[in-house]
Amino acid sequence: MTPYIVLGAAVAALVSSAAIAVYAERRVAGAIQNRYGPNRVGPLGLFQPVADVIKLILKEDVTPTAGYRFLHTVAPIIPVATAIMTVAVIPFGDGLFASNMNASVLYLLAIASLGVYGITIAGWASNSKYSLLGGLRASAQMISYELPLGMAVASCLLFAGSLNVLDVAASQETWWNIIRNPLGGIIFVISAFAESKRTPFDLVEAEQELVGGFHTEYSSMKFGMFFLAEYMHVVINSMLITTFFFGSYHLPFAGMWLPELSEPLKMALDVSVFLAKTSFFVFFFIWVRWTIGRFTFKQVMDLGWSRLLPLSILNFVIIASVLYFLENGLS
């Protein structure tokens, strides 16, 4: 399958999955809180995301008079663009990828760190104290958790022996990284929650403190793009958790028992397995949001710098040492 077809299908799936995640969050939240959830627009409320889009399109697009109009307009595009750029190097199956970069892991980390610029610029361009505080919190949070997340990814690269995401996925055919590197997996999942800026790490838009945070001064489809980007990043982070720690498109211990399959059957199995794992982690993101309360800013900073970063460095050193001695012995 040509890379352009894979990329087009991946982008379409990412955008549509974000809309599905919005609906799923409302249904799961309703179940957790013992209420119905969406049940008016269409059967079982399935057309609620469509109604939301129509509502946002029809709302007035307001730009703050004292704000910076150009930056205020550009800011919502950045997080959406970074989510779409990320999906280009994620393998959805054996041979199912849009781009094969030798250093695709570095590409992923670089692109993932750019999304926060949209939030920071939005806070600055709105010329509002609440928006600015939300943008500053987003920057501090990203810096605090990008480091342990990067170290957790680096510990996976020790097993793959490569900076290519395809090699990381292929190295988990028999043993998933979550089995070989459980601490790294836990650190990565927590950091992914912080990077997605959702509860319990949603300090950038804490309603009780900052009204709406960085998007206080946004309306219409500009707000809609931030809303879309949030769920796109939830889906992307679920894909990254699956790719780096939960075997990517491989079934558990597939190298031990799975027989050779025909090309179409193997492709269908790979995609189904990858989507099933991703869907599970999207549900996990939703479940955590409606189960755990928001952390304070001090707790978020303390967790990142005093807990996760030292643990991630220690984990990397231990794994590197063990692999070195297993390969070279004690001599």
Protein backbone atom coordinates (compact mmCIF):
# COMPACT_ATOMS: atom_id res chain seq x y z
CA MET A 1 0.00 0.00 0.00
CA THR A 2 1.41 3.38 -1.02
CA PRO A 3 2.46 5.80 1.75
CA TYR A 4 0.07 8.50 0.49
CA ILE A 5 -2.94 6.19 0.85
CA VAL A 6 -1.82 5.17 4.34
CA LEU A 7 -1.29 8.81 5.36
CA GLY A 8 -4.67 9.90 3.99
CA ALA A 9 -6.45 7.02 5.72
CA ALA A 10 -4.57 7.70 8.97
CA VAL A 11 -5.45 11.41 9.00
CA ALA A 12 -9.10 10.69 8.19
CA ALA A 13 -9.20 8.05 10.93
CA LEU A 14 -7.56 10.45 13.42
CA VAL A 15 -10.07 13.24 12.82
CA SER A 16 -13.06 10.89 12.89
CA SER A 17 -11.76 9.07 15.97
CA ALA A 18 -11.54 12.41 17.80
CA ALA A 19 -15.24 12.95 17.11
CA ILE A 20 -15.98 9.41 18.26
CA ALA A 21 -13.93 10.02 21.42
CA VAL A 22 -16.05 13.09 22.23
CA TYR A 23 -19.21 10.99 22.03
CA ALA A 24 -17.59 8.12 23.95
CA GLU A 25 -16.48 10.47 26.72
CA ARG A 26 -20.02 11.72 27.22
CA ARG A 27 -21.44 8.20 27.29
CA VAL A 28 -18.77 6.94 29.69
CA ALA A 29 -19.15 10.02 31.90
CA GLY A 30 -22.89 9.41 31.99
CA ALA A 31 -22.39 5.79 33.00
CA ILE A 32 -19.88 6.71 35.72
CA GLN A 33 -22.17 9.41 37.12
CA ASN A 34 -25.26 7.19 36.84
CA ARG A 35 -27.05 9.30 34.22
CA TYR A 36 -28.02 8.87 30.57
CA GLY A 37 -25.50 10.96 28.68
CA PRO A 38 -26.33 12.07 25.08
CA ASN A 39 -29.71 10.63 24.09
CA ARG A 40 -31.59 13.31 22.15
CA VAL A 41 -29.78 14.04 18.86
CA GLY A 42 -30.26 10.92 16.75
CA PRO A 43 -30.47 7.33 18.00
CA LEU A 44 -28.56 7.00 21.30
CA GLY A 45 -27.34 10.58 20.78
CA LEU A 46 -24.98 9.48 17.99
CA PHE A 47 -25.37 12.76 16.08
CA GLN A 48 -24.39 14.91 19.08
CA PRO A 49 -20.84 15.57 17.70
CA VAL A 50 -22.42 16.74 14.41
CA ALA A 51 -24.72 19.08 16.33
CA ASP A 52 -21.70 20.43 18.24
CA VAL A 53 -19.88 21.25 14.99
CA ILE A 54 -22.95 23.02 13.55
CA LYS A 55 -23.35 25.01 16.78
CA LEU A 56 -19.70 26.13 16.72
CA ILE A 57 -19.85 27.11 13.04
CA LEU A 58 -22.93 29.27 13.65
CA LYS A 59 -21.49 31.05 16.70
CA GLU A 60 -19.88 34.46 16.30
CA ASP A 61 -16.10 34.46 15.94
CA VAL A 62 -14.93 37.02 18.48
CA THR A 63 -11.38 38.38 18.64
CA PRO A 64 -10.34 40.46 21.69
CA THR A 65 -9.98 44.13 20.79
CA ALA A 66 -6.74 44.45 22.75
CA GLY A 67 -5.41 41.08 21.57
CA TYR A 68 -3.02 40.19 18.76
CA ARG A 69 -5.35 39.22 15.90
CA PHE A 70 -2.89 37.27 13.73
CA LEU A 71 -1.46 35.19 16.58
CA HIS A 72 -4.94 34.72 18.03
CA THR A 73 -6.02 33.19 14.70
CA VAL A 74 -2.92 31.06 14.11
CA ALA A 75 -2.69 29.56 17.62
CA PRO A 76 -5.52 26.97 17.28
CA ILE A 77 -3.99 25.60 14.07
CA ILE A 78 -0.72 24.56 15.74
CA PRO A 79 -1.95 21.75 18.05
CA VAL A 80 -4.13 20.29 15.27
CA ALA A 81 -1.21 20.38 12.82
CA THR A 82 1.19 18.70 15.25
CA ALA A 83 -1.29 15.88 15.89
CA ILE A 84 -1.64 15.26 12.14
CA MET A 85 2.15 15.40 11.64
CA THR A 86 2.68 12.84 14.41
CA VAL A 87 0.52 10.18 12.79
CA ALA A 88 2.78 10.11 9.70
CA VAL A 89 5.42 7.85 11.31
CA ILE A 90 3.25 5.56 13.45
CA PRO A 91 3.06 1.97 12.11
CA PHE A 92 -0.47 0.56 12.03
CA GLY A 93 0.67 -2.87 10.87
CA ASP A 94 3.54 -4.70 9.23
CA GLY A 95 4.34 -2.44 6.27
CA LEU A 96 1.45 -0.07 7.03
CA PHE A 97 3.12 3.30 7.58
CA ALA A 98 3.24 6.62 5.77
CA SER A 99 6.91 7.43 6.32
CA ASN A 100 9.98 5.38 7.21
CA MET A 101 12.47 7.71 8.91
CA ASN A 102 15.68 6.40 10.42
CA ALA A 103 15.25 8.77 13.36
CA SER A 104 11.45 8.76 13.55
CA VAL A 105 11.51 8.57 17.38
CA LEU A 106 13.34 11.91 17.48
CA TYR A 107 10.79 13.26 15.00
CA LEU A 108 7.95 12.15 17.29
CA LEU A 109 9.48 13.76 20.37
CA ALA A 110 10.23 16.98 18.47
CA ILE A 111 6.74 17.30 16.99
CA ALA A 112 5.05 16.37 20.28
CA SER A 113 6.83 19.24 22.02
CA LEU A 114 5.59 21.79 19.47
CA GLY A 115 1.90 21.47 20.35
CA VAL A 116 2.32 23.51 23.52
CA TYR A 117 3.36 26.54 21.45
CA GLY A 118 -0.21 26.87 20.20
CA ILE A 119 -1.52 27.01 23.76
CA THR A 120 1.17 29.43 24.91
CA ILE A 121 0.63 31.72 21.91
CA ALA A 122 -3.13 31.60 22.52
CA GLY A 123 -2.59 32.73 26.10
CA TRP A 124 -0.33 35.58 25.04
CA ALA A 125 -2.38 36.71 22.02
CA SER A 126 -5.63 36.90 23.99
CA ASN A 127 -4.19 39.67 26.19
CA SER A 128 -6.06 38.26 29.18
CA LYS A 129 -4.58 37.42 32.56
CA TYR A 130 -6.51 34.15 32.74
CA SER A 131 -5.41 33.07 29.27
CA LEU A 132 -1.81 34.07 29.94
CA LEU A 133 -1.68 32.09 33.19
CA GLY A 134 -3.09 29.07 31.36
CA GLY A 135 -0.43 29.38 28.67
CA LEU A 136 2.37 29.71 31.23
CA ARG A 137 1.09 26.68 33.12
CA ALA A 138 1.05 24.70 29.86
CA SER A 139 4.70 25.60 29.17
CA ALA A 140 5.82 24.67 32.68
CA GLN A 141 3.89 21.41 32.56
CA MET A 142 5.27 20.43 29.16
CA ILE A 143 8.88 21.07 30.22
CA SER A 144 8.36 19.12 33.45
CA TYR A 145 6.99 15.98 31.78
CA GLU A 146 8.75 15.99 28.41
CA LEU A 147 11.98 14.94 30.15
CA PRO A 148 10.68 11.80 31.94
CA LEU A 149 8.66 10.90 28.84
CA GLY A 150 11.79 11.15 26.71
CA MET A 151 13.77 9.00 29.16
CA ALA A 152 10.99 6.38 29.16
CA VAL A 153 11.15 6.27 25.36
CA ALA A 154 14.95 6.05 25.48
CA SER A 155 14.70 2.98 27.71
CA CYS A 156 12.59 1.32 24.97
CA LEU A 157 15.22 2.16 22.37
CA LEU A 158 17.75 0.09 24.31
CA PHE A 159 15.72 -3.03 23.49
CA ALA A 160 15.13 -2.08 19.86
CA GLY A 161 18.68 -0.86 19.20
CA SER A 162 17.32 1.73 16.79
CA LEU A 163 15.79 5.20 16.62
CA ASN A 164 13.22 4.00 14.10
CA VAL A 165 9.65 3.56 15.39
CA LEU A 166 9.21 0.62 13.00
CA ASP A 167 12.08 -1.22 14.70
CA VAL A 168 10.62 -0.45 18.13
CA ALA A 169 7.32 -2.02 17.03
CA ALA A 170 9.04 -5.02 15.43
CA SER A 171 11.14 -5.68 18.56
CA GLN A 172 7.96 -6.41 20.55
CA GLU A 173 6.75 -9.35 18.48
CA THR A 174 7.45 -11.79 21.32
CA TRP A 175 8.01 -9.63 24.42
CA TRP A 176 6.16 -6.37 24.86
CA ASN A 177 8.15 -3.53 26.39
CA ILE A 178 5.66 -3.20 29.25
CA ILE A 179 6.83 -6.65 30.40
CA ARG A 180 10.54 -5.93 29.98
CA ASN A 181 10.29 -2.33 31.15
CA PRO A 182 7.24 -1.90 33.43
CA LEU A 183 8.51 1.17 35.28
CA GLY A 184 9.21 2.93 31.99
CA GLY A 185 5.69 2.11 30.85
CA ILE A 186 4.13 3.60 33.99
CA ILE A 187 6.25 6.75 33.67
CA PHE A 188 5.32 7.08 30.00
CA VAL A 189 1.58 6.73 30.68
CA ILE A 190 1.64 9.33 33.49
CA SER A 191 3.70 11.71 31.34
CA ALA A 192 1.31 11.18 28.41
CA PHE A 193 -1.58 12.22 30.67
CA ALA A 194 0.32 15.37 31.63
CA GLU A 195 1.20 16.10 27.99
CA SER A 196 -2.45 15.79 26.96
CA LYS A 197 -3.37 18.30 29.72
CA ARG A 198 -6.41 16.37 30.88
CA THR A 199 -7.61 15.61 34.38
CA PRO A 200 -5.84 15.21 36.76
CA PHE A 201 -3.34 17.43 34.90
CA ASP A 202 -5.81 19.97 33.43
CA LEU A 203 -4.33 22.95 35.25
CA VAL A 204 -4.04 24.93 32.01
CA GLU A 205 -7.84 25.34 31.87
CA ALA A 206 -8.86 24.98 35.51
CA GLU A 207 -12.34 26.52 35.47
CA GLN A 208 -12.42 27.36 39.17
CA GLU A 209 -9.13 29.27 38.93
CA LEU A 210 -8.74 30.51 35.35
CA VAL A 211 -12.33 30.70 33.97
CA GLY A 212 -11.41 28.72 30.85
CA GLY A 213 -7.64 28.99 30.87
CA PHE A 214 -5.87 29.56 27.57
CA HIS A 215 -9.10 29.40 25.51
CA THR A 216 -11.12 31.84 27.65
CA GLU A 217 -11.19 34.40 24.81
CA TYR A 218 -11.92 31.89 22.03
CA SER A 219 -15.26 31.12 20.40
CA SER A 220 -16.72 29.55 17.27
CA MET A 221 -14.45 27.22 15.25
CA LYS A 222 -11.27 28.60 16.83
CA PHE A 223 -12.45 27.13 20.11
CA GLY A 224 -13.62 24.08 18.15
CA MET A 225 -10.09 23.51 16.84
CA PHE A 226 -8.68 23.52 20.37
CA PHE A 227 -11.43 21.12 21.38
CA LEU A 228 -10.66 18.87 18.41
CA ALA A 229 -6.92 19.03 19.11
CA GLU A 230 -7.44 17.88 22.70
CA TYR A 231 -9.13 14.68 21.60
CA MET A 232 -6.75 14.17 18.69
CA HIS A 233 -3.87 14.25 21.16
CA VAL A 234 -5.69 11.78 23.41
CA VAL A 235 -5.90 9.41 20.44
CA ILE A 236 -2.28 10.08 19.44
CA ASN A 237 -1.02 9.48 22.99
CA SER A 238 -3.01 6.24 23.10
CA MET A 239 -1.31 5.22 19.84
CA LEU A 240 2.12 6.07 21.25
CA ILE A 241 1.49 4.10 24.46
CA THR A 242 0.45 1.15 22.29
CA THR A 243 3.44 1.52 19.96
CA PHE A 244 6.19 1.95 22.54
CA PHE A 245 5.04 -0.33 25.36
CA PHE A 246 2.09 -2.55 24.44
CA GLY A 247 3.37 -4.40 21.41
CA SER A 248 2.12 -2.03 18.73
CA TYR A 249 0.18 -4.21 16.25
CA HIS A 250 1.41 -7.52 17.75
CA LEU A 251 -0.74 -9.90 19.77
CA PRO A 252 0.71 -11.03 23.14
CA PHE A 253 3.71 -13.33 22.60
CA ALA A 254 2.79 -13.54 18.90
CA GLY A 255 6.31 -14.67 17.97
CA MET A 256 5.79 -17.88 19.96
CA TRP A 257 2.46 -19.13 18.67
CA LEU A 258 1.02 -17.11 15.77
CA PRO A 259 1.39 -19.01 12.46
CA GLU A 260 2.20 -17.43 9.11
CA LEU A 261 -0.86 -15.72 7.65
CA SER A 262 -1.74 -14.55 4.17
CA GLU A 263 -0.97 -10.90 3.39
CA PRO A 264 -4.59 -9.56 3.50
CA LEU A 265 -5.43 -11.53 6.65
CA LYS A 266 -2.27 -10.39 8.43
CA MET A 267 -2.92 -6.76 7.46
CA ALA A 268 -6.49 -6.94 8.78
CA LEU A 269 -5.31 -8.60 12.01
CA ASP A 270 -2.54 -6.04 12.56
CA VAL A 271 -4.86 -3.06 12.09
CA SER A 272 -7.59 -4.60 14.26
CA VAL A 273 -5.15 -5.33 17.10
CA PHE A 274 -3.65 -1.83 16.93
CA LEU A 275 -7.06 -0.14 16.91
CA ALA A 276 -8.32 -2.32 19.77
CA LYS A 277 -5.35 -1.39 21.97
CA THR A 278 -5.67 2.29 21.05
CA SER A 279 -9.40 2.24 21.85
CA PHE A 280 -8.68 0.72 25.25
CA PHE A 281 -6.29 3.52 26.17
CA VAL A 282 -8.70 6.18 24.90
CA PHE A 283 -11.26 4.66 27.26
CA PHE A 284 -8.60 4.69 30.01
CA PHE A 285 -8.00 8.43 29.44
CA ILE A 286 -11.75 9.05 29.72
CA TRP A 287 -12.17 6.84 32.78
CA VAL A 288 -9.34 8.57 34.66
CA ARG A 289 -10.76 12.00 33.88
CA TRP A 290 -14.07 11.18 35.52
CA THR A 291 -12.57 9.28 38.44
CA ILE A 292 -9.59 11.27 39.78
CA GLY A 293 -9.69 14.89 40.95
CA ARG A 294 -7.40 17.62 39.69
CA PHE A 295 -3.91 17.92 41.19
CA THR A 296 -2.65 21.22 42.51
CA PHE A 297 0.10 23.01 40.59
CA LYS A 298 2.62 22.19 43.32
CA GLN A 299 1.72 18.50 43.16
CA VAL A 300 2.09 18.45 39.38
CA MET A 301 5.53 20.07 39.49
CA ASP A 302 6.66 17.89 42.39
CA LEU A 303 5.55 14.71 40.63
CA GLY A 304 7.38 15.63 37.45
CA TRP A 305 10.69 16.89 38.83
CA SER A 306 11.03 15.07 42.17
CA ARG A 307 9.49 11.70 41.30
CA LEU A 308 9.23 10.84 37.62
CA LEU A 309 12.46 12.40 36.34
CA PRO A 310 14.79 10.68 38.89
CA LEU A 311 12.90 7.39 38.45
CA SER A 312 13.13 7.59 34.65
CA ILE A 313 16.89 8.24 34.76
CA LEU A 314 17.42 5.42 37.27
CA ASN A 315 15.29 3.09 35.14
CA PHE A 316 17.33 3.93 32.03
CA VAL A 317 20.65 3.33 33.81
CA ILE A 318 19.49 -0.02 35.25
CA ILE A 319 18.19 -1.30 31.89
CA ALA A 320 21.33 -0.15 30.06
CA SER A 321 23.55 -1.83 32.67
CA VAL A 322 21.60 -5.11 32.62
CA LEU A 323 21.62 -5.28 28.82
CA TYR A 324 25.34 -4.50 28.74
CA PHE A 325 26.21 -7.27 31.21
CA LEU A 326 23.91 -9.75 29.47
CA GLU A 327 25.70 -9.06 26.20
CA ASN A 328 29.28 -8.75 27.42
CA GLY A 329 29.31 -10.63 30.72
CA LEU A 330 31.03 -9.45 33.88
CA SER A 331 34.53 -9.52 32.37
